[in-house]
C-alpha cells in the first residue's frame, strides 16, 4: 500500500498545517519538475515515503542547541525544504539556507518559500565556491560520496558543528573510505525508510594528518 499524507502525518505526528504546506510544496514540485528536472517522474507515486519521510527523519538528529542549518545541493528541496517546513512547527528557532547551482531550481525553491510561508535563504552557486555559511548543521542527500561530502561540508560548517547525511546500502564502505582522509566522530543511525540504509551523524570533523 502506498504511503500517503495521512500516514506521514500519523508517523511524524505533525499538524494539519504542516501537511497542507507539504502538499502545496509537492504540487508545485510536480508542476515545475518537467522544466527543472528535480526528481525522477516515476518516484512521484511514492513521494511521501521515498522523498518526504526520507528527508524529514533527519530533523530528529539535529542537536538541541542548533539554530542554523545549510543543505548542500538542494535540488528540488530534499531534504532542505522538507526540513524547513517541519521546523516551522517543531523547531521554529532553526533557520535554513539551501545551496543550489541550477538557476531554475533556485527559482523554484524561492517560489515554494513564498507560497508556503516558510522562510529559507536560497543561495545560488556551487557548494565548493559560494560564501561559507557557518552553519550549526549541514545536510545533503545524494550529492556525493561521503569522502567528498565531508570536504564540501567542512567549508560551510561552524566549528563544533554537526553533519547529518542519509546514506544507502554502501554506507559502511563510504565511511571506511572517508576515514582515510578525515577524522570524525560518527553515529550510524538506522534509516526509517530502508533497512539497508542509514543516517550518518558526524561531528568533530578534521582532516587527518599525513604521515611523513
C-alpha atoms as a PDB file:
ATOM      1  CA  UNK A   1       0.000   0.000   0.000  1.00  0.00           C
ATOM      2  CA  UNK A   2       1.286   3.453  -0.908  1.00  0.00           C
ATOM      3  CA  UNK A   3       2.485   5.643   1.937  1.00  0.00           C
ATOM      4  CA  UNK A   4       0.435   8.840   1.746  1.00  0.00           C
ATOM      5  CA  UNK A   5      -0.004  12.185   3.507  1.00  0.00           C
ATOM      6  CA  UNK A   6      -2.257  10.746   6.218  1.00  0.00           C
ATOM      7  CA  UNK A   7       0.257   8.029   7.034  1.00  0.00           C
ATOM      8  CA  UNK A   8       3.058  10.577   7.094  1.00  0.00           C
ATOM      9  CA  UNK A   9       1.041  12.757   9.478  1.00  0.00           C
ATOM     10  CA  UNK A  10       0.480   9.823  11.815  1.00  0.00           C
ATOM     11  CA  UNK A  11       4.088   8.644  11.597  1.00  0.00           C
ATOM     12  CA  UNK A  12       5.595  12.062  12.277  1.00  0.00           C
ATOM     13  CA  UNK A  13       2.799  13.422  14.491  1.00  0.00           C
ATOM     14  CA  UNK A  14       2.627  16.801  12.760  1.00  0.00           C
ATOM     15  CA  UNK A  15      -0.198  19.302  12.445  1.00  0.00           C
ATOM     16  CA  UNK A  16      -2.641  19.625   9.576  1.00  0.00           C
ATOM     17  CA  UNK A  17      -0.988  22.964   8.726  1.00  0.00           C
ATOM     18  CA  UNK A  18       2.349  21.219   8.168  1.00  0.00           C
ATOM     19  CA  UNK A  19       0.691  18.614   5.955  1.00  0.00           C
ATOM     20  CA  UNK A  20      -1.007  21.343   3.927  1.00  0.00           C
ATOM     21  CA  UNK A  21       2.328  23.110   3.443  1.00  0.00           C
ATOM     22  CA  UNK A  22       3.947  19.857   2.321  1.00  0.00           C
ATOM     23  CA  UNK A  23       1.046  19.097  -0.030  1.00  0.00           C
ATOM     24  CA  UNK A  24       1.382  22.566  -1.582  1.00  0.00           C
ATOM     25  CA  UNK A  25       5.140  22.073  -1.917  1.00  0.00           C
ATOM     26  CA  UNK A  26       4.668  18.722  -3.655  1.00  0.00           C
ATOM     27  CA  UNK A  27       2.051  20.104  -6.035  1.00  0.00           C
ATOM     28  CA  UNK A  28       4.469  22.878  -7.015  1.00  0.00           C
ATOM     29  CA  UNK A  29       7.246  20.309  -7.420  1.00  0.00           C
ATOM     30  CA  UNK A  30       5.112  18.286  -9.816  1.00  0.00           C
ATOM     31  CA  UNK A  31       4.270  21.393 -11.848  1.00  0.00           C
ATOM     32  CA  UNK A  32       7.865  22.625 -12.081  1.00  0.00           C
ATOM     33  CA  UNK A  33       9.571  19.247 -12.434  1.00  0.00           C
ATOM     34  CA  UNK A  34       9.270  18.911 -16.236  1.00  0.00           C
ATOM     35  CA  UNK A  35      11.264  22.129 -16.745  1.00  0.00           C
ATOM     36  CA  UNK A  36      13.634  21.824 -13.774  1.00  0.00           C
ATOM     37  CA  UNK A  37      14.303  18.069 -13.705  1.00  0.00           C
ATOM     38  CA  UNK A  38      14.397  17.763  -9.923  1.00  0.00           C
ATOM     39  CA  UNK A  39      13.286  14.168  -9.302  1.00  0.00           C
ATOM     40  CA  UNK A  40      12.508  11.152 -11.478  1.00  0.00           C
ATOM     41  CA  UNK A  41       8.885  11.200 -12.644  1.00  0.00           C
ATOM     42  CA  UNK A  42       8.490   7.567 -11.562  1.00  0.00           C
ATOM     43  CA  UNK A  43       9.089   8.458  -7.904  1.00  0.00           C
ATOM     44  CA  UNK A  44       6.022  10.724  -7.606  1.00  0.00           C
ATOM     45  CA  UNK A  45       3.846   7.654  -6.962  1.00  0.00           C
ATOM     46  CA  UNK A  46       5.638   7.055  -3.650  1.00  0.00           C
ATOM     47  CA  UNK A  47       6.888  10.549  -2.937  1.00  0.00           C
ATOM     48  CA  UNK A  48       5.678  10.755   0.668  1.00  0.00           C
ATOM     49  CA  UNK A  49       7.778   7.744   1.674  1.00  0.00           C
ATOM     50  CA  UNK A  50      10.685   7.880  -0.751  1.00  0.00           C
ATOM     51  CA  UNK A  51      11.398  11.595  -0.570  1.00  0.00           C
ATOM     52  CA  UNK A  52       9.403  13.359   2.178  1.00  0.00           C
ATOM     53  CA  UNK A  53       9.788  10.858   5.030  1.00  0.00           C
ATOM     54  CA  UNK A  54      13.357  10.085   3.989  1.00  0.00           C
ATOM     55  CA  UNK A  55      14.123  13.807   4.352  1.00  0.00           C
ATOM     56  CA  UNK A  56      12.010  14.519   7.449  1.00  0.00           C
ATOM     57  CA  UNK A  57      13.746  11.830   9.513  1.00  0.00           C
ATOM     58  CA  UNK A  58      16.942  13.900   9.587  1.00  0.00           C
ATOM     59  CA  UNK A  59      15.441  16.535  11.893  1.00  0.00           C
ATOM     60  CA  UNK A  60      15.429  14.170  14.888  1.00  0.00           C
ATOM     61  CA  UNK A  61      19.234  14.006  14.648  1.00  0.00           C
ATOM     62  CA  UNK A  62      19.752  17.784  14.888  1.00  0.00           C
ATOM     63  CA  UNK A  63      21.387  18.836  18.190  1.00  0.00           C
ATOM     64  CA  UNK A  64      19.015  20.660  20.535  1.00  0.00           C
ATOM     65  CA  UNK A  65      21.276  23.708  20.549  1.00  0.00           C
ATOM     66  CA  UNK A  66      21.332  24.044  16.738  1.00  0.00           C
ATOM     67  CA  UNK A  67      19.998  27.290  15.305  1.00  0.00           C
ATOM     68  CA  UNK A  68      21.184  27.249  11.677  1.00  0.00           C
ATOM     69  CA  UNK A  69      21.183  24.569   9.010  1.00  0.00           C
ATOM     70  CA  UNK A  70      22.555  24.518   5.477  1.00  0.00           C
ATOM     71  CA  UNK A  71      21.563  21.998   2.816  1.00  0.00           C
ATOM     72  CA  UNK A  72      24.149  21.285   0.123  1.00  0.00           C
ATOM     73  CA  UNK A  73      22.933  20.761  -3.442  1.00  0.00           C
ATOM     74  CA  UNK A  74      19.263  21.114  -2.511  1.00  0.00           C
ATOM     75  CA  UNK A  75      17.872  20.401  -5.992  1.00  0.00           C
ATOM     76  CA  UNK A  76      14.111  20.184  -5.555  1.00  0.00           C
ATOM     77  CA  UNK A  77      14.340  20.695  -1.794  1.00  0.00           C
ATOM     78  CA  UNK A  78      15.117  17.256  -0.438  1.00  0.00           C
ATOM     79  CA  UNK A  79      15.962  17.337   2.366  1.00  0.00           C
ATOM     80  CA  UNK A  80      16.329  21.091   2.938  1.00  0.00           C
ATOM     81  CA  UNK A  81      12.830  22.359   2.111  1.00  0.00           C
ATOM     82  CA  UNK A  82      11.160  19.457   3.893  1.00  0.00           C
ATOM     83  CA  UNK A  83      13.280  20.162   6.993  1.00  0.00           C
ATOM     84  CA  UNK A  84      12.372  23.851   6.844  1.00  0.00           C
ATOM     85  CA  UNK A  85       8.639  23.033   6.653  1.00  0.00           C
ATOM     86  CA  UNK A  86       8.914  20.548   9.519  1.00  0.00           C
ATOM     87  CA  UNK A  87      10.928  23.011  11.592  1.00  0.00           C
ATOM     88  CA  UNK A  88       8.323  25.756  11.196  1.00  0.00           C
ATOM     89  CA  UNK A  89       6.194  23.673  13.567  1.00  0.00           C
ATOM     90  CA  UNK A  90       8.723  21.720  15.640  1.00  0.00           C
ATOM     91  CA  UNK A  91      11.847  23.876  15.746  1.00  0.00           C
ATOM     92  CA  UNK A  92      10.898  27.460  14.784  1.00  0.00           C
ATOM     93  CA  UNK A  93      14.258  28.714  16.038  1.00  0.00           C
ATOM     94  CA  UNK A  94      16.010  26.904  13.166  1.00  0.00           C
ATOM     95  CA  UNK A  95      16.927  28.944  10.081  1.00  0.00           C
ATOM     96  CA  UNK A  96      17.831  27.164   6.843  1.00  0.00           C
ATOM     97  CA  UNK A  97      19.973  28.060   3.848  1.00  0.00           C
ATOM     98  CA  UNK A  98      19.631  25.941   0.702  1.00  0.00           C
ATOM     99  CA  UNK A  99      22.607  25.924  -1.687  1.00  0.00           C
ATOM    100  CA  UNK A 100      21.834  25.092  -5.305  1.00  0.00           C
ATOM    101  CA  UNK A 101      23.781  25.784  -8.511  1.00  0.00           C
ATOM    102  CA  UNK A 102      20.926  25.360 -11.005  1.00  0.00           C
ATOM    103  CA  UNK A 103      19.154  28.693 -11.512  1.00  0.00           C
ATOM    104  CA  UNK A 104      15.777  27.197 -12.425  1.00  0.00           C
ATOM    105  CA  UNK A 105      15.786  25.115  -9.244  1.00  0.00           C
ATOM    106  CA  UNK A 106      16.734  28.178  -7.219  1.00  0.00           C
ATOM    107  CA  UNK A 107      13.704  29.967  -8.672  1.00  0.00           C
ATOM    108  CA  UNK A 108      11.567  27.009  -7.702  1.00  0.00           C
ATOM    109  CA  UNK A 109      12.843  26.914  -4.114  1.00  0.00           C
ATOM    110  CA  UNK A 110      12.221  30.643  -3.676  1.00  0.00           C
ATOM    111  CA  UNK A 111       8.722  30.221  -5.095  1.00  0.00           C
ATOM    112  CA  UNK A 112       7.970  27.402  -2.654  1.00  0.00           C
ATOM    113  CA  UNK A 113       9.217  29.539   0.233  1.00  0.00           C
ATOM    114  CA  UNK A 114       6.858  32.361  -0.743  1.00  0.00           C
ATOM    115  CA  UNK A 115       3.859  30.118  -1.394  1.00  0.00           C
ATOM    116  CA  UNK A 116       4.180  28.080   1.806  1.00  0.00           C
ATOM    117  CA  UNK A 117       5.196  30.984   4.031  1.00  0.00           C
ATOM    118  CA  UNK A 118       8.242  29.035   5.189  1.00  0.00           C
ATOM    119  CA  UNK A 119      11.305  31.259   5.299  1.00  0.00           C
ATOM    120  CA  UNK A 120      14.521  29.887   3.767  1.00  0.00           C
ATOM    121  CA  UNK A 121      17.571  31.530   2.236  1.00  0.00           C
ATOM    122  CA  UNK A 122      18.298  30.189  -1.237  1.00  0.00           C
ATOM    123  CA  UNK A 123      21.999  30.522  -2.054  1.00  0.00           C
ATOM    124  CA  UNK A 124      22.651  30.384  -5.785  1.00  0.00           C
ATOM    125  CA  UNK A 125      26.042  28.888  -6.584  1.00  0.00           C
ATOM    126  CA  UNK A 126      28.294  25.871  -6.421  1.00  0.00           C
ATOM    127  CA  UNK A 127      28.758  24.357  -2.972  1.00  0.00           C
ATOM    128  CA  UNK A 128      32.542  24.460  -3.208  1.00  0.00           C
ATOM    129  CA  UNK A 129      32.769  28.126  -4.189  1.00  0.00           C
ATOM    130  CA  UNK A 130      29.891  30.069  -2.609  1.00  0.00           C
ATOM    131  CA  UNK A 131      30.284  32.040   0.614  1.00  0.00           C
ATOM    132  CA  UNK A 132      30.853  29.798   3.677  1.00  0.00           C
ATOM    133  CA  UNK A 133      27.624  29.577   5.682  1.00  0.00           C
ATOM    134  CA  UNK A 134      28.986  28.892   9.200  1.00  0.00           C
ATOM    135  CA  UNK A 135      26.053  26.575   9.967  1.00  0.00           C
ATOM    136  CA  UNK A 136      25.423  24.543  13.096  1.00  0.00           C
ATOM    137  CA  UNK A 137      24.205  21.612  10.969  1.00  0.00           C
ATOM    138  CA  UNK A 138      24.988  20.614   7.389  1.00  0.00           C
ATOM    139  CA  UNK A 139      22.723  18.227   5.478  1.00  0.00           C
ATOM    140  CA  UNK A 140      22.845  16.769   1.994  1.00  0.00           C
ATOM    141  CA  UNK A 141      21.091  13.936   0.198  1.00  0.00           C
ATOM    142  CA  UNK A 142      22.525  12.104  -2.774  1.00  0.00           C
ATOM    143  CA  UNK A 143      25.069  14.798  -3.664  1.00  0.00           C
ATOM    144  CA  UNK A 144      28.346  12.895  -3.376  1.00  0.00           C
ATOM    145  CA  UNK A 145      30.197  10.050  -1.681  1.00  0.00           C
ATOM    146  CA  UNK A 146      30.998  10.627   1.994  1.00  0.00           C
ATOM    147  CA  UNK A 147      34.706  11.316   1.427  1.00  0.00           C
ATOM    148  CA  UNK A 148      33.839  14.223  -0.888  1.00  0.00           C
ATOM    149  CA  UNK A 149      30.782  15.300   1.072  1.00  0.00           C
ATOM    150  CA  UNK A 150      32.754  15.821   4.287  1.00  0.00           C
ATOM    151  CA  UNK A 151      35.124  18.126   2.433  1.00  0.00           C
ATOM    152  CA  UNK A 152      32.257  20.149   0.987  1.00  0.00           C
ATOM    153  CA  UNK A 153      30.513  20.297   4.362  1.00  0.00           C
ATOM    154  CA  UNK A 154      33.635  21.437   6.215  1.00  0.00           C
ATOM    155  CA  UNK A 155      33.591  24.679   4.207  1.00  0.00           C
ATOM    156  CA  UNK A 156      30.094  25.555   5.440  1.00  0.00           C
ATOM    157  CA  UNK A 157      30.185  24.114   8.971  1.00  0.00           C
ATOM    158  CA  UNK A 158      30.710  26.123  12.125  1.00  0.00           C
ATOM    159  CA  UNK A 159      33.475  24.892  14.433  1.00  0.00           C
ATOM    160  CA  UNK A 160      31.910  22.203  16.598  1.00  0.00           C
ATOM    161  CA  UNK A 161      29.053  21.705  14.129  1.00  0.00           C
ATOM    162  CA  UNK A 162      27.295  18.535  13.035  1.00  0.00           C
ATOM    163  CA  UNK A 163      26.676  16.855   9.683  1.00  0.00           C
ATOM    164  CA  UNK A 164      23.550  14.742   9.107  1.00  0.00           C
ATOM    165  CA  UNK A 165      23.664  12.670   5.937  1.00  0.00           C
ATOM    166  CA  UNK A 166      21.263   9.952   4.751  1.00  0.00           C
ATOM    167  CA  UNK A 167      23.190   7.188   3.017  1.00  0.00           C
ATOM    168  CA  UNK A 168      22.323   3.982   1.169  1.00  0.00           C
ATOM    169  CA  UNK A 169      23.402   0.373   1.388  1.00  0.00           C
ATOM    170  CA  UNK A 170      27.072   1.157   0.737  1.00  0.00           C
ATOM    171  CA  UNK A 171      27.392   3.500   3.722  1.00  0.00           C
ATOM    172  CA  UNK A 172      29.868   1.274   5.595  1.00  0.00           C
ATOM    173  CA  UNK A 173      32.194   1.273   2.589  1.00  0.00           C
ATOM    174  CA  UNK A 174      31.857   5.058   2.307  1.00  0.00           C
ATOM    175  CA  UNK A 175      32.696   5.500   5.984  1.00  0.00           C
ATOM    176  CA  UNK A 176      35.834   3.374   5.662  1.00  0.00           C
ATOM    177  CA  UNK A 177      36.928   5.319   2.584  1.00  0.00           C
ATOM    178  CA  UNK A 178      36.324   8.692   4.247  1.00  0.00           C
ATOM    179  CA  UNK A 179      38.315   7.697   7.338  1.00  0.00           C
ATOM    180  CA  UNK A 180      41.483   7.533   5.225  1.00  0.00           C
ATOM    181  CA  UNK A 181      41.278  11.313   4.725  1.00  0.00           C
ATOM    182  CA  UNK A 182      39.094  12.650   7.533  1.00  0.00           C
ATOM    183  CA  UNK A 183      38.850  12.325  11.281  1.00  0.00           C
ATOM    184  CA  UNK A 184      35.371  12.487  12.790  1.00  0.00           C
ATOM    185  CA  UNK A 185      33.083  11.141  15.458  1.00  0.00           C
ATOM    186  CA  UNK A 186      30.222   9.236  13.876  1.00  0.00           C
ATOM    187  CA  UNK A 187      26.854   7.884  14.931  1.00  0.00           C
ATOM    188  CA  UNK A 188      25.483   5.349  12.462  1.00  0.00           C
ATOM    189  CA  UNK A 189      21.708   5.521  12.914  1.00  0.00           C
ATOM    190  CA  UNK A 190      19.155   3.266  11.159  1.00  0.00           C
ATOM    191  CA  UNK A 191      17.042   4.805   8.423  1.00  0.00           C
ATOM    192  CA  UNK A 192      13.257   4.718   8.874  1.00  0.00           C
ATOM    193  CA  UNK A 193      12.704   4.238   5.141  1.00  0.00           C
ATOM    194  CA  UNK A 194      15.150   1.489   4.155  1.00  0.00           C
ATOM    195  CA  UNK A 195      16.546  -1.300   6.306  1.00  0.00           C
ATOM    196  CA  UNK A 196      19.871  -1.321   4.451  1.00  0.00           C
ATOM    197  CA  UNK A 197      20.298   2.478   4.644  1.00  0.00           C
ATOM    198  CA  UNK A 198      21.484   4.728   7.462  1.00  0.00           C
ATOM    199  CA  UNK A 199      21.580   8.290   8.735  1.00  0.00           C
ATOM    200  CA  UNK A 200      25.177   9.264   9.457  1.00  0.00           C
ATOM    201  CA  UNK A 201      25.673  11.910  12.148  1.00  0.00           C
ATOM    202  CA  UNK A 202      29.204  13.325  12.065  1.00  0.00           C
ATOM    203  CA  UNK A 203      30.906  15.738  14.468  1.00  0.00           C
ATOM    204  CA  UNK A 204      34.464  16.733  15.469  1.00  0.00           C
ATOM    205  CA  UNK A 205      35.456  16.846  11.790  1.00  0.00           C
ATOM    206  CA  UNK A 206      39.041  17.469  10.780  1.00  0.00           C
ATOM    207  CA  UNK A 207      41.455  16.449   8.060  1.00  0.00           C
ATOM    208  CA  UNK A 208      43.650  13.505   9.011  1.00  0.00           C
ATOM    209  CA  UNK A 209      47.326  14.327   9.326  1.00  0.00           C
ATOM    210  CA  UNK A 210      49.506  12.897   6.576  1.00  0.00           C
ATOM    211  CA  UNK A 211      52.341  10.770   7.911  1.00  0.00           C
ATOM    212  CA  UNK A 212      55.739  11.925   6.691  1.00  0.00           C
END
